[in-house]
N, C-alpha and C. Protein backbone atom coordinates (compact mmCIF):
# COMPACT_ATOMS: atom_id res chain seq x y z
N UNK A 1 156.19 106.15 -50.98
CA UNK A 1 155.07 106.04 -51.67
C UNK A 1 155.03 106.50 -53.11
N UNK A 2 154.68 105.51 -53.96
CA UNK A 2 154.50 105.87 -55.34
C UNK A 2 153.18 106.75 -55.80
N UNK A 3 153.36 107.81 -56.33
CA UNK A 3 151.99 108.68 -56.74
C UNK A 3 152.00 108.39 -58.30
N UNK A 4 150.72 108.11 -58.65
CA UNK A 4 150.44 107.80 -59.97
C UNK A 4 149.11 108.70 -60.22
N UNK A 5 149.36 109.50 -61.29
CA UNK A 5 148.14 110.30 -61.28
C UNK A 5 147.35 109.50 -62.62
N UNK A 6 146.04 109.63 -62.37
CA UNK A 6 145.19 109.18 -63.33
C UNK A 6 144.36 110.27 -64.04
N UNK A 7 144.72 110.94 -65.12
CA UNK A 7 144.17 111.96 -65.70
C UNK A 7 143.34 111.37 -66.97
N UNK A 8 142.36 111.58 -66.55
CA UNK A 8 141.22 111.04 -67.45
C UNK A 8 141.53 109.77 -68.07
N UNK A 9 141.87 108.65 -67.40
CA UNK A 9 141.86 107.50 -67.57
C UNK A 9 140.87 106.75 -67.47
N UNK A 10 140.55 105.94 -68.12
CA UNK A 10 139.29 104.94 -68.05
C UNK A 10 139.55 103.54 -67.95
N UNK A 11 140.39 102.95 -68.82
CA UNK A 11 140.32 101.39 -69.00
C UNK A 11 141.11 101.07 -67.68
N UNK A 12 140.16 99.95 -67.10
CA UNK A 12 140.91 98.93 -66.00
C UNK A 12 139.82 99.67 -64.79
N UNK A 13 139.67 100.96 -64.84
CA UNK A 13 138.88 101.73 -63.64
C UNK A 13 137.72 101.62 -63.71
N UNK A 14 137.09 101.69 -65.05
CA UNK A 14 135.57 101.98 -65.34
C UNK A 14 135.01 100.47 -65.75
N UNK A 15 133.76 100.52 -65.58
CA UNK A 15 133.13 99.16 -66.15
C UNK A 15 133.22 99.22 -67.80
N UNK A 16 133.43 97.96 -68.38
CA UNK A 16 133.41 97.70 -69.27
C UNK A 16 132.23 97.62 -70.02
N UNK A 17 132.16 98.43 -71.18
CA UNK A 17 130.90 98.66 -71.68
C UNK A 17 130.84 97.54 -72.74
N UNK A 18 129.94 96.74 -72.85
CA UNK A 18 129.96 95.52 -73.74
C UNK A 18 129.67 96.20 -75.44
N UNK A 19 130.42 95.50 -76.20
CA UNK A 19 130.30 96.04 -77.70
C UNK A 19 131.44 97.20 -77.75
N UNK A 20 132.18 97.48 -76.94
CA UNK A 20 133.27 98.23 -77.02
C UNK A 20 134.34 97.69 -77.10
N UNK A 21 134.74 97.38 -78.52
CA UNK A 21 136.00 96.43 -78.56
C UNK A 21 137.26 96.91 -78.19
N UNK A 22 137.54 98.32 -78.64
CA UNK A 22 138.74 99.16 -78.04
C UNK A 22 138.57 99.07 -76.49
N UNK A 23 137.59 99.41 -75.90
CA UNK A 23 137.48 99.45 -74.46
C UNK A 23 138.15 97.86 -73.77
N UNK A 24 137.53 96.95 -74.43
CA UNK A 24 137.85 95.68 -74.05
C UNK A 24 139.22 95.40 -73.98
N UNK A 25 139.66 95.65 -75.47
CA UNK A 25 141.30 95.30 -75.73
C UNK A 25 142.00 95.96 -74.93
N UNK A 26 141.83 97.27 -74.51
CA UNK A 26 142.78 98.24 -73.86
C UNK A 26 142.80 97.66 -72.19
N UNK A 27 141.57 97.28 -71.82
CA UNK A 27 141.35 96.91 -70.53
C UNK A 27 142.46 95.47 -70.24
N UNK A 28 142.10 94.58 -71.17
CA UNK A 28 142.77 93.30 -71.39
C UNK A 28 144.47 93.57 -71.44
N UNK A 29 144.77 94.27 -72.31
CA UNK A 29 146.41 94.91 -72.35
C UNK A 29 146.69 95.30 -70.93
N UNK A 30 146.02 96.19 -70.28
CA UNK A 30 146.34 96.65 -68.97
C UNK A 30 146.40 95.54 -67.74
N UNK A 31 145.38 94.66 -67.97
CA UNK A 31 145.68 93.52 -66.95
C UNK A 31 146.63 92.53 -67.24
N UNK A 32 146.80 92.19 -68.62
CA UNK A 32 148.28 91.44 -68.96
C UNK A 32 149.20 92.04 -68.33
N UNK A 33 149.76 93.63 -68.85
CA UNK A 33 150.89 93.95 -68.06
C UNK A 33 150.75 93.99 -66.51
N UNK A 34 149.78 94.22 -66.16
CA UNK A 34 149.60 94.22 -64.32
C UNK A 34 149.83 93.09 -63.92
N UNK A 35 149.66 91.62 -64.68
CA UNK A 35 149.88 90.44 -64.15
C UNK A 35 151.59 90.10 -64.66
N UNK A 36 152.09 90.84 -65.28
CA UNK A 36 153.49 90.58 -65.48
C UNK A 36 154.55 91.39 -65.07
N UNK A 37 154.13 92.54 -64.37
CA UNK A 37 154.82 93.41 -64.01
C UNK A 37 155.86 93.08 -63.00
N UNK A 38 155.63 92.11 -61.93
CA UNK A 38 156.74 91.66 -61.18
C UNK A 38 157.84 91.10 -61.81
N UNK A 39 157.51 90.22 -62.89
CA UNK A 39 158.44 89.27 -63.48
C UNK A 39 159.22 90.16 -64.72
N UNK A 40 158.52 91.17 -65.18
CA UNK A 40 159.05 91.94 -66.53
C UNK A 40 160.56 91.75 -66.61
N UNK A 41 161.03 92.72 -65.92
CA UNK A 41 162.60 92.92 -65.98
C UNK A 41 163.51 91.71 -65.83
N UNK A 42 162.75 90.52 -65.09
CA UNK A 42 163.62 89.29 -65.05
C UNK A 42 163.78 88.61 -66.44
N UNK A 43 162.52 89.11 -66.89
CA UNK A 43 162.49 88.34 -68.29
C UNK A 43 163.08 89.23 -69.55
N UNK A 44 162.61 90.45 -69.48
CA UNK A 44 162.87 91.35 -70.70
C UNK A 44 163.91 92.44 -70.25
N UNK A 45 164.36 92.66 -69.12
CA UNK A 45 165.38 93.77 -68.65
C UNK A 45 166.30 93.54 -69.24
N UNK A 46 167.20 92.77 -69.45
CA UNK A 46 168.52 93.05 -70.18
C UNK A 46 168.11 93.60 -71.57
N UNK A 47 167.17 92.98 -72.66
CA UNK A 47 166.92 93.46 -73.92
C UNK A 47 166.25 94.97 -73.76
N UNK A 48 165.70 95.38 -72.72
CA UNK A 48 165.15 96.50 -72.80
C UNK A 48 166.36 97.59 -72.30
N UNK A 49 167.15 97.25 -71.56
CA UNK A 49 168.38 98.14 -71.05
C UNK A 49 169.03 98.44 -72.38
N UNK A 50 169.16 97.34 -73.32
CA UNK A 50 170.02 97.66 -74.54
C UNK A 50 169.42 98.45 -75.62
N UNK A 51 168.18 98.32 -75.32
CA UNK A 51 167.05 99.23 -76.41
C UNK A 51 167.10 100.72 -75.79
N UNK A 52 167.08 100.91 -74.54
CA UNK A 52 167.17 102.26 -74.08
C UNK A 52 168.47 102.90 -74.13
N UNK A 53 169.36 102.36 -73.95
CA UNK A 53 170.88 102.79 -74.25
C UNK A 53 170.77 103.35 -75.66
N UNK A 54 170.60 102.35 -76.67
CA UNK A 54 170.42 102.76 -78.13
C UNK A 54 169.62 104.07 -78.39
N UNK A 55 168.54 104.09 -77.57
CA UNK A 55 167.65 105.08 -77.64
C UNK A 55 168.29 106.56 -77.24
N UNK A 56 168.85 106.48 -75.80
CA UNK A 56 169.67 107.51 -75.44
C UNK A 56 170.82 108.04 -76.30
N UNK A 57 171.23 107.13 -77.07
CA UNK A 57 172.62 107.29 -77.69
C UNK A 57 172.28 108.17 -79.13
N UNK A 58 171.11 107.82 -79.38
CA UNK A 58 170.49 108.44 -80.80
C UNK A 58 170.11 109.85 -80.58
N UNK A 59 169.57 109.88 -79.33
CA UNK A 59 169.02 111.26 -79.15
C UNK A 59 168.98 111.33 -77.42
N UNK A 60 170.26 112.46 -77.12
CA UNK A 60 170.22 112.71 -75.35
C UNK A 60 168.95 113.28 -75.21
N UNK A 61 168.49 113.30 -73.87
CA UNK A 61 167.30 113.79 -73.31
C UNK A 61 167.69 115.27 -73.28
N UNK A 62 166.44 115.98 -73.69
CA UNK A 62 166.40 117.39 -73.07
C UNK A 62 165.00 117.69 -72.65
N UNK A 63 165.07 118.60 -71.37
CA UNK A 63 163.80 118.31 -70.65
C UNK A 63 163.07 119.31 -71.32
N UNK A 64 161.61 119.40 -71.24
CA UNK A 64 161.24 117.93 -70.33
C UNK A 64 161.37 116.75 -71.19
N UNK A 65 161.05 115.46 -70.81
CA UNK A 65 161.28 114.25 -71.25
C UNK A 65 159.86 113.47 -70.90
N UNK A 66 159.39 112.77 -72.35
CA UNK A 66 158.44 111.58 -71.94
C UNK A 66 158.78 110.49 -72.46
N UNK A 67 158.73 109.63 -71.19
CA UNK A 67 158.72 108.01 -71.79
C UNK A 67 157.25 107.56 -71.87
N UNK A 68 156.83 107.43 -73.13
CA UNK A 68 155.45 106.89 -73.50
C UNK A 68 155.31 105.66 -73.54
N UNK A 69 154.78 104.84 -72.56
CA UNK A 69 155.03 103.34 -72.35
C UNK A 69 156.08 102.98 -71.68
N UNK A 70 156.30 103.58 -70.47
CA UNK A 70 157.45 103.27 -69.85
C UNK A 70 157.52 102.39 -68.94
N UNK A 71 156.41 101.46 -69.15
CA UNK A 71 156.62 100.04 -68.43
C UNK A 71 157.18 100.33 -66.68
N UNK A 72 158.31 99.49 -66.40
CA UNK A 72 158.58 99.36 -65.45
C UNK A 72 159.79 100.84 -64.99
N UNK A 73 159.63 101.38 -65.87
CA UNK A 73 160.73 102.55 -65.64
C UNK A 73 162.34 102.63 -66.21
N UNK A 74 162.63 101.59 -66.64
CA UNK A 74 164.04 101.31 -67.13
C UNK A 74 164.64 102.56 -67.66
N UNK A 75 163.81 103.31 -68.38
CA UNK A 75 164.41 104.47 -69.13
C UNK A 75 164.48 105.64 -68.04
N UNK A 76 163.61 105.82 -67.51
CA UNK A 76 163.37 106.54 -66.18
C UNK A 76 164.29 106.58 -65.36
N UNK A 77 164.86 105.39 -64.84
CA UNK A 77 165.72 105.46 -63.78
C UNK A 77 167.45 105.65 -64.61
N UNK A 78 167.44 105.35 -65.85
CA UNK A 78 168.78 105.68 -66.72
C UNK A 78 168.75 107.16 -66.87
N UNK A 79 167.78 107.84 -67.13
CA UNK A 79 167.72 109.15 -67.49
C UNK A 79 168.34 109.84 -66.26
N UNK A 80 167.92 109.49 -64.84
CA UNK A 80 168.64 110.26 -63.59
C UNK A 80 168.00 111.61 -63.86
N UNK A 81 167.04 111.98 -64.08
CA UNK A 81 166.34 113.64 -64.23
C UNK A 81 165.13 113.59 -64.05
N UNK A 82 164.20 114.66 -63.52
CA UNK A 82 162.87 114.53 -63.73
C UNK A 82 162.16 114.12 -64.99
N UNK A 83 161.20 113.54 -64.97
CA UNK A 83 160.64 113.47 -66.42
C UNK A 83 159.31 112.85 -66.14
N UNK A 84 158.51 112.39 -67.28
CA UNK A 84 157.10 112.10 -67.04
C UNK A 84 157.27 110.49 -67.61
N UNK A 85 156.58 109.89 -67.03
CA UNK A 85 156.33 108.34 -67.63
C UNK A 85 154.83 108.21 -67.62
N UNK A 86 154.75 107.53 -68.85
CA UNK A 86 152.89 107.39 -69.37
C UNK A 86 153.07 105.87 -69.38
N UNK A 87 151.97 105.14 -68.77
CA UNK A 87 151.78 103.58 -69.15
C UNK A 87 150.24 103.41 -69.04
N UNK A 88 149.77 102.59 -69.52
CA UNK A 88 148.40 101.71 -69.20
C UNK A 88 148.57 100.88 -67.99
N UNK A 89 149.55 100.34 -67.46
CA UNK A 89 149.38 99.41 -66.50
C UNK A 89 149.78 100.09 -65.20
N UNK A 90 148.99 99.97 -64.22
CA UNK A 90 149.28 100.74 -62.98
C UNK A 90 150.23 99.71 -62.16
N UNK A 91 150.20 98.58 -62.46
CA UNK A 91 151.42 97.59 -61.70
C UNK A 91 152.80 98.08 -62.31
N UNK A 92 152.90 98.41 -63.51
CA UNK A 92 154.16 98.57 -64.07
C UNK A 92 154.69 99.89 -63.36
N UNK A 93 153.75 100.90 -63.18
CA UNK A 93 154.16 102.28 -62.83
C UNK A 93 154.42 102.22 -61.45
N UNK A 94 153.60 101.28 -60.73
CA UNK A 94 154.06 101.33 -59.27
C UNK A 94 155.64 100.61 -59.14
N UNK A 95 156.19 99.99 -60.08
CA UNK A 95 157.52 99.66 -59.99
C UNK A 95 158.36 100.70 -60.69
N UNK A 96 157.83 101.14 -61.62
CA UNK A 96 158.89 102.32 -62.17
C UNK A 96 158.77 103.64 -61.11
N UNK A 97 157.90 103.85 -60.21
CA UNK A 97 157.99 104.75 -59.17
C UNK A 97 159.19 104.39 -58.24
N UNK A 98 159.68 103.41 -57.79
CA UNK A 98 160.32 102.88 -57.03
C UNK A 98 161.67 103.22 -57.17
N UNK A 99 162.27 103.52 -58.24
CA UNK A 99 163.52 103.95 -58.43
C UNK A 99 163.63 105.48 -59.30
N UNK A 100 162.87 105.97 -59.54
CA UNK A 100 163.01 107.12 -60.35
C UNK A 100 162.31 108.39 -59.65
N UNK A 101 162.89 109.81 -59.99
CA UNK A 101 161.97 110.95 -59.55
C UNK A 101 160.90 111.42 -60.57
N UNK A 102 160.46 110.81 -61.16
CA UNK A 102 159.68 111.08 -62.36
C UNK A 102 158.03 110.92 -61.95
N UNK A 103 157.45 111.76 -62.61
CA UNK A 103 156.03 112.07 -62.61
C UNK A 103 155.56 110.77 -63.31
N UNK A 104 154.45 109.87 -62.73
CA UNK A 104 153.97 108.92 -63.49
C UNK A 104 152.45 109.20 -63.72
N UNK A 105 151.92 108.62 -64.91
CA UNK A 105 150.82 109.14 -65.24
C UNK A 105 150.24 107.79 -65.73
N UNK A 106 148.97 107.55 -65.15
CA UNK A 106 148.28 106.06 -65.83
C UNK A 106 147.64 106.66 -66.91
N UNK A 107 147.91 106.03 -68.37
CA UNK A 107 147.14 106.66 -69.60
C UNK A 107 147.31 105.64 -70.84
N UNK A 108 146.80 106.20 -71.70
CA UNK A 108 146.81 105.44 -72.97
C UNK A 108 147.76 106.11 -74.12
N UNK A 109 148.62 105.54 -74.80
CA UNK A 109 149.62 106.18 -75.81
C UNK A 109 148.55 106.84 -76.91
N UNK A 110 147.42 106.33 -77.09
CA UNK A 110 146.34 106.86 -78.13
C UNK A 110 145.80 108.10 -77.97
N UNK A 111 145.65 108.29 -76.68
CA UNK A 111 144.73 109.34 -75.98
C UNK A 111 145.67 110.09 -75.00
N UNK A 112 146.75 110.56 -74.98
CA UNK A 112 147.65 110.97 -74.05
C UNK A 112 146.84 112.36 -73.17
N UNK A 113 146.87 112.10 -71.94
CA UNK A 113 146.49 113.31 -71.18
C UNK A 113 147.40 114.55 -70.90
N UNK A 114 148.20 114.94 -72.07
CA UNK A 114 148.85 116.07 -72.01
C UNK A 114 148.48 117.26 -73.07
N UNK A 115 148.85 118.46 -72.82
CA UNK A 115 148.68 119.50 -73.50
C UNK A 115 149.68 119.45 -74.75
N UNK A 116 149.03 119.97 -76.07
CA UNK A 116 150.14 119.98 -77.11
C UNK A 116 151.50 120.37 -76.64
N UNK A 117 152.26 119.98 -77.64
CA UNK A 117 153.59 120.75 -77.42
C UNK A 117 154.11 120.75 -76.06
N UNK A 118 154.31 119.85 -75.36
CA UNK A 118 154.61 119.71 -73.82
C UNK A 118 156.01 119.04 -73.43
N UNK A 119 156.54 118.27 -74.85
CA UNK A 119 157.96 117.88 -74.33
C UNK A 119 158.78 118.07 -75.43
N UNK A 120 159.99 118.34 -75.06
CA UNK A 120 161.08 118.55 -76.09
C UNK A 120 161.88 117.24 -76.42
N UNK A 121 161.79 116.22 -75.56
CA UNK A 121 162.43 114.72 -76.11
C UNK A 121 161.30 113.86 -75.47
N UNK A 122 160.70 112.70 -76.68
CA UNK A 122 159.76 111.64 -76.19
C UNK A 122 160.67 110.23 -76.42
N UNK A 123 160.51 109.37 -75.82
CA UNK A 123 160.96 108.27 -76.19
C UNK A 123 159.81 107.08 -76.14
N UNK A 124 159.52 106.40 -77.00
CA UNK A 124 158.55 105.47 -77.08
C UNK A 124 159.19 103.85 -77.47
N UNK A 125 159.54 103.13 -76.81
CA UNK A 125 160.34 101.99 -77.11
C UNK A 125 159.70 100.68 -76.85
N UNK A 126 159.58 100.10 -78.05
CA UNK A 126 158.61 98.77 -78.14
C UNK A 126 157.12 99.16 -77.86
N UNK A 127 156.49 100.29 -78.08
CA UNK A 127 155.21 100.41 -77.52
C UNK A 127 154.18 100.55 -78.52
N UNK A 128 154.30 101.42 -79.80
CA UNK A 128 153.39 101.53 -80.75
C UNK A 128 152.88 100.19 -81.33
N UNK A 129 153.54 98.98 -81.24
CA UNK A 129 153.04 97.88 -82.09
C UNK A 129 151.88 97.34 -81.11
N UNK A 130 151.41 97.75 -79.99
CA UNK A 130 150.34 97.57 -79.49
C UNK A 130 149.24 98.53 -79.34
N UNK A 131 149.35 99.48 -80.38
CA UNK A 131 148.35 100.22 -80.46
C UNK A 131 147.44 99.79 -81.64
N UNK A 132 146.00 100.13 -81.24
CA UNK A 132 144.92 99.41 -81.97
C UNK A 132 144.92 100.30 -83.27
N UNK A 133 145.20 101.57 -83.26
CA UNK A 133 145.40 102.59 -84.54
C UNK A 133 146.82 103.21 -84.20
N UNK A 134 147.64 102.81 -85.07
CA UNK A 134 149.17 103.31 -85.16
C UNK A 134 149.08 104.62 -85.79
N UNK A 135 148.20 105.12 -86.68
CA UNK A 135 148.52 106.28 -86.91
C UNK A 135 148.04 107.50 -85.81
N UNK A 136 147.12 107.04 -85.00
CA UNK A 136 146.62 107.69 -84.04
C UNK A 136 147.54 107.70 -82.90
N UNK A 137 148.45 106.77 -82.78
CA UNK A 137 149.41 106.58 -81.74
C UNK A 137 150.48 107.71 -82.16
N UNK A 138 150.92 107.65 -83.36
CA UNK A 138 151.93 108.51 -84.05
C UNK A 138 151.53 109.93 -83.91
N UNK A 139 150.53 110.35 -84.21
CA UNK A 139 149.85 111.41 -84.19
C UNK A 139 150.00 112.06 -82.83
N UNK A 140 149.23 111.16 -81.73
CA UNK A 140 149.57 111.67 -80.29
C UNK A 140 151.19 111.97 -79.96
N UNK A 141 152.05 111.43 -80.28
CA UNK A 141 153.56 111.42 -80.06
C UNK A 141 153.84 112.76 -80.74
N UNK A 142 153.51 112.99 -81.92
CA UNK A 142 153.47 114.20 -82.81
C UNK A 142 152.87 115.72 -82.08
N UNK A 143 151.63 115.39 -81.32
CA UNK A 143 151.05 116.33 -80.82
C UNK A 143 151.27 116.84 -79.27
N UNK A 144 151.87 115.82 -78.76
CA UNK A 144 152.82 116.45 -77.25
C UNK A 144 153.95 116.68 -77.38
N UNK A 145 154.69 116.72 -78.61
CA UNK A 145 156.04 117.15 -78.72
C UNK A 145 156.06 118.78 -78.97
N UNK A 146 157.11 119.53 -78.44
CA UNK A 146 157.42 120.52 -78.69
C UNK A 146 157.54 120.95 -80.15
N UNK A 147 157.52 121.95 -81.01
CA UNK A 147 157.92 122.33 -81.89
C UNK A 147 159.71 122.00 -82.16
N UNK A 148 159.97 121.21 -83.14
CA UNK A 148 161.58 120.94 -83.09
C UNK A 148 161.98 120.06 -82.00
N UNK A 149 160.87 119.41 -81.18
CA UNK A 149 161.24 118.20 -80.44
C UNK A 149 161.67 117.03 -81.01
N UNK A 150 162.44 116.22 -80.30
CA UNK A 150 162.92 114.97 -80.92
C UNK A 150 162.20 113.85 -80.29
N UNK A 151 161.65 112.73 -81.14
CA UNK A 151 160.97 111.52 -80.90
C UNK A 151 161.95 110.24 -81.38
N UNK A 152 162.28 109.46 -80.43
CA UNK A 152 162.42 108.12 -80.77
C UNK A 152 161.43 106.90 -80.62
N UNK A 153 161.20 106.40 -81.76
CA UNK A 153 159.97 105.36 -81.59
C UNK A 153 160.64 104.29 -82.12
N UNK A 154 160.44 102.97 -81.45
CA UNK A 154 160.85 101.62 -81.73
C UNK A 154 159.69 100.71 -81.88
N UNK A 155 159.37 99.87 -82.70
CA UNK A 155 158.68 98.76 -82.64
C UNK A 155 159.40 97.22 -83.13
N UNK A 156 158.99 96.34 -82.46
CA UNK A 156 159.56 94.70 -82.55
C UNK A 156 159.92 94.67 -83.84
N UNK A 157 160.84 94.20 -84.17
CA UNK A 157 161.00 93.38 -85.69
C UNK A 157 160.03 92.57 -86.13
N UNK A 158 159.32 91.51 -85.25
CA UNK A 158 158.79 90.53 -85.52
C UNK A 158 157.03 91.12 -85.87
N UNK A 159 156.77 92.38 -85.82
CA UNK A 159 155.50 93.01 -85.80
C UNK A 159 155.47 93.56 -87.13
N UNK A 160 154.10 93.68 -87.44
CA UNK A 160 153.81 94.18 -88.72
C UNK A 160 154.28 95.76 -88.72
N UNK A 161 153.82 96.21 -87.55
CA UNK A 161 154.27 97.71 -87.09
C UNK A 161 155.38 98.19 -87.80
N UNK A 162 156.59 97.41 -87.50
CA UNK A 162 157.91 97.62 -87.87
C UNK A 162 157.87 97.69 -89.35
N UNK A 163 157.25 97.28 -89.92
CA UNK A 163 157.33 97.50 -91.44
C UNK A 163 156.88 98.46 -92.11
N UNK A 164 156.06 99.40 -91.14
CA UNK A 164 155.29 100.55 -91.65
C UNK A 164 155.67 101.73 -90.78
N UNK A 165 156.32 101.62 -89.89
CA UNK A 165 156.96 102.42 -88.80
C UNK A 165 157.27 103.82 -89.41
N UNK A 166 158.36 103.83 -90.22
CA UNK A 166 158.65 105.15 -90.97
C UNK A 166 157.60 105.89 -91.71
N UNK A 167 156.90 105.14 -92.65
CA UNK A 167 155.86 105.61 -93.43
C UNK A 167 154.61 106.31 -92.38
N UNK A 168 154.26 105.54 -91.26
CA UNK A 168 153.41 106.10 -90.19
C UNK A 168 154.07 107.37 -89.87
N UNK A 169 155.10 107.24 -89.29
CA UNK A 169 155.82 108.38 -88.68
C UNK A 169 155.44 109.70 -89.51
N UNK A 170 155.80 109.52 -90.79
CA UNK A 170 155.74 110.62 -91.76
C UNK A 170 154.29 110.98 -92.10
N UNK A 171 153.42 109.93 -92.00
CA UNK A 171 151.92 110.29 -92.29
C UNK A 171 151.48 110.68 -91.14
N UNK A 172 152.01 110.80 -89.77
CA UNK A 172 151.26 111.71 -88.34
C UNK A 172 152.16 113.02 -88.43
N UNK A 173 152.74 113.49 -89.43
CA UNK A 173 153.47 114.64 -89.45
C UNK A 173 154.63 114.87 -88.85
N UNK A 174 155.42 113.76 -88.78
CA UNK A 174 156.64 114.00 -88.14
C UNK A 174 157.88 113.92 -89.13
N UNK A 175 158.96 114.47 -88.97
CA UNK A 175 159.92 114.82 -89.88
C UNK A 175 160.99 113.49 -89.53
N UNK A 176 160.68 112.36 -90.31
CA UNK A 176 162.00 111.33 -90.22
C UNK A 176 163.34 111.98 -90.32
N UNK A 177 164.18 111.88 -89.31
CA UNK A 177 165.51 112.16 -89.39
C UNK A 177 166.23 110.95 -89.71
N UNK A 178 166.25 109.91 -89.21
CA UNK A 178 166.73 108.66 -89.71
C UNK A 178 166.24 107.53 -89.25
N UNK A 179 166.67 106.32 -89.40
CA UNK A 179 165.85 105.20 -89.19
C UNK A 179 167.08 104.08 -89.32
N UNK A 180 166.73 102.91 -88.25
CA UNK A 180 167.92 101.98 -88.00
C UNK A 180 166.97 100.60 -88.37
N UNK A 181 167.09 99.54 -89.27
CA UNK A 181 166.45 98.38 -89.44
C UNK A 181 167.12 97.66 -88.32
N UNK A 182 166.26 96.43 -87.92
CA UNK A 182 166.86 95.55 -86.94
C UNK A 182 167.96 94.73 -87.91
N UNK A 183 168.89 94.50 -86.91
CA UNK A 183 169.77 92.99 -87.70
C UNK A 183 170.14 92.21 -86.38
N UNK A 184 170.98 91.47 -86.45
CA UNK A 184 171.14 90.18 -85.40
C UNK A 184 171.39 90.66 -84.23
N UNK A 185 171.83 92.04 -83.85
CA UNK A 185 171.85 92.45 -82.66
C UNK A 185 170.60 93.22 -82.06
N UNK A 186 169.78 93.87 -82.95
CA UNK A 186 168.58 94.89 -82.66
C UNK A 186 167.50 94.10 -82.99
N UNK A 187 166.57 94.24 -81.86
CA UNK A 187 165.24 93.71 -82.11
C UNK A 187 164.22 94.35 -82.51
N UNK A 188 164.69 95.71 -82.57
CA UNK A 188 163.65 96.69 -83.18
C UNK A 188 164.26 97.77 -84.25
N UNK A 189 162.96 98.04 -84.85
CA UNK A 189 163.25 98.97 -85.76
C UNK A 189 163.06 100.39 -85.14
N UNK A 190 163.90 101.23 -85.62
CA UNK A 190 163.88 102.35 -84.74
C UNK A 190 163.67 103.53 -85.54
N UNK A 191 162.97 104.70 -85.49
CA UNK A 191 162.96 105.89 -86.09
C UNK A 191 163.05 106.90 -85.35
N UNK A 192 163.98 107.84 -85.92
CA UNK A 192 164.36 109.38 -84.81
C UNK A 192 163.56 110.37 -85.70
N UNK A 193 162.57 111.22 -84.95
CA UNK A 193 161.93 112.16 -85.76
C UNK A 193 162.01 113.21 -85.19
N UNK A 194 161.52 114.44 -85.69
CA UNK A 194 161.66 115.83 -85.26
C UNK A 194 160.11 116.22 -85.23
N UNK A 195 159.70 116.89 -84.43
CA UNK A 195 158.11 116.98 -84.61
C UNK A 195 158.16 118.86 -85.47
N UNK A 196 157.42 118.74 -86.47
CA UNK A 196 157.28 120.00 -87.38
C UNK A 196 156.17 120.78 -86.56
N UNK A 197 156.51 122.26 -87.08
CA UNK A 197 155.51 123.25 -86.48
C UNK A 197 154.27 123.11 -87.40
N UNK A 198 153.02 123.47 -86.77
CA UNK A 198 151.92 123.19 -87.46
C UNK A 198 151.67 124.82 -87.58
N UNK A 199 151.30 125.14 -88.91
CA UNK A 199 151.34 126.42 -89.21
C UNK A 199 149.82 126.52 -89.95
């Protein structure tokens, strides 16, 4: 049985408040991915596996590891170690739980239910472009990373987010170590960052 933690999660489980555009958008996003969960890996699996391999090659995992926006758990299964997966879609998390030993958390990238400095390695693959507020999402990634922790962030090249990924990471207080622009093989713009100490 898959166990999913619902730590402070509101979207999709609480009534939608009329006039709350952010809540409505997040609820719709969760429902969209819930509806696609069973078909997701058939449609996008090969593409996602390639992105995950690239991310793991760029930054080998050091525990504790967070997959922020884990979807169906492709990265979690490839890690083969205890880790944490966060996603806004309960259906995606149910699939992620089938083949991994990871702790699964239903939650929002922009308001993660983790203490600051919790993770040494964070992967967020093709997720940040879905954020309502990119700077808030990047700041959350920085907040939950341990001092000196490594973060791999990617955004699909067809999005506006890909164009401002590096500058947004820097604005969120992350130290950008390297970046890889998309080419004919790569669909994502990828940045590798280190979390800075906050003094």
